[in-house]
Protein backbone atom coordinates (compact mmCIF):
# COMPACT_ATOMS: atom_id res chain seq x y z
CA MET A 1 14.89 -12.59 14.77
CA GLY A 2 14.56 -9.89 12.03
CA LYS A 3 15.95 -6.31 12.08
CA ARG A 4 15.61 -3.96 14.92
CA ALA A 5 15.71 -0.53 14.33
CA PRO A 6 15.70 1.73 17.44
CA THR A 7 14.46 5.39 16.64
CA LEU A 8 13.82 8.71 18.71
CA LEU A 9 10.53 9.63 18.88
CA SER A 10 9.25 12.96 20.47
CA GLY A 11 5.57 14.32 21.61
CA ASP A 12 3.72 15.56 24.39
CA CYS A 13 3.80 13.65 27.61
CA PRO A 14 0.91 13.76 30.04
CA TYR A 15 2.61 12.39 32.98
CA LEU A 16 5.34 15.21 32.58
CA LYS A 17 3.22 17.62 31.25
CA LYS A 18 5.91 18.73 28.55
CA ARG A 19 7.55 17.79 25.44
CA HIS A 20 9.43 14.43 26.08
CA SER A 21 11.47 11.83 23.54
CA ILE A 22 11.66 8.13 24.07
CA ILE A 23 13.47 5.44 22.02
CA ALA A 24 11.30 3.22 20.15
CA ILE A 25 12.76 -0.18 19.09
CA TYR A 26 11.07 -1.01 15.73
CA ARG A 27 11.04 -4.88 14.86
CA GLU A 28 10.74 -6.14 11.32
CA THR A 29 8.05 -8.81 10.85
CA SER A 30 7.11 -10.49 7.54
CA ILE A 31 3.92 -10.65 6.04
CA PRO A 32 3.07 -14.02 4.01
CA ASN A 33 3.03 -13.11 0.03
CA GLN A 34 4.46 -9.71 0.54
CA ALA A 35 7.83 -8.38 -0.44
CA VAL A 36 8.10 -5.44 1.74
CA PRO A 37 8.86 -5.75 5.13
CA HIS A 38 6.18 -4.57 8.12
CA TYR A 39 7.71 -3.05 11.03
CA GLN A 40 5.83 -2.70 14.50
CA VAL A 41 7.35 -0.95 17.76
CA ASP A 42 8.26 -4.00 19.97
CA GLU A 43 9.60 -2.02 22.99
CA ILE A 44 10.24 1.48 24.23
CA GLU A 45 12.87 3.09 26.27
CA CYS A 46 11.84 5.97 28.69
CA ASP A 47 13.67 7.49 31.14
CA TYR A 48 10.35 7.84 33.47
CA SER A 49 8.67 4.41 32.57
CA ASP A 50 9.37 3.08 36.27
CA GLU A 51 7.14 5.96 37.81
CA CYS A 52 4.87 7.08 35.09
CA GLY A 53 1.60 5.37 36.08
CA LEU A 54 -0.17 5.20 32.39
CA GLU A 55 -0.72 1.79 31.05
CA LYS A 56 0.29 2.96 27.56
CA CYS A 57 2.66 5.49 26.35
CA PRO A 58 0.83 8.11 23.85
CA ILE A 59 3.90 9.23 22.38
CA ALA A 60 4.59 5.06 21.33
CA GLU A 61 0.96 5.22 20.46
CA ILE A 62 1.39 7.75 17.66
CA ALA A 63 4.39 6.39 16.23
CA PRO A 64 5.17 6.00 12.73
CA LYS A 65 4.18 2.70 10.84
CA HIS A 66 7.69 2.32 9.87
CA PRO A 67 10.95 3.50 11.30
CA PRO A 68 12.25 7.00 9.56
CA GLY A 69 14.24 5.87 6.30
CA ILE A 70 13.67 2.02 6.39
CA GLY A 71 10.96 -0.15 5.02
CA LEU A 72 9.70 2.03 2.48
CA ALA A 73 10.26 1.61 -1.43
């Protein structure tokens, strides 16, 4: 299992109709023939995920490709 990096992400939530923060858990994955690790959002933690009817979290959808400060040379 690769590294996991929890990161706080904020943005406008259409369900709450206000700015909100979630925790995005990035997982390190390796790409053959590339020295730099690749990260992707593996899961998200949101206080409202049980009641929110959105199929995809718009805050998580615009998450950066790498967790801040990790994976960049």
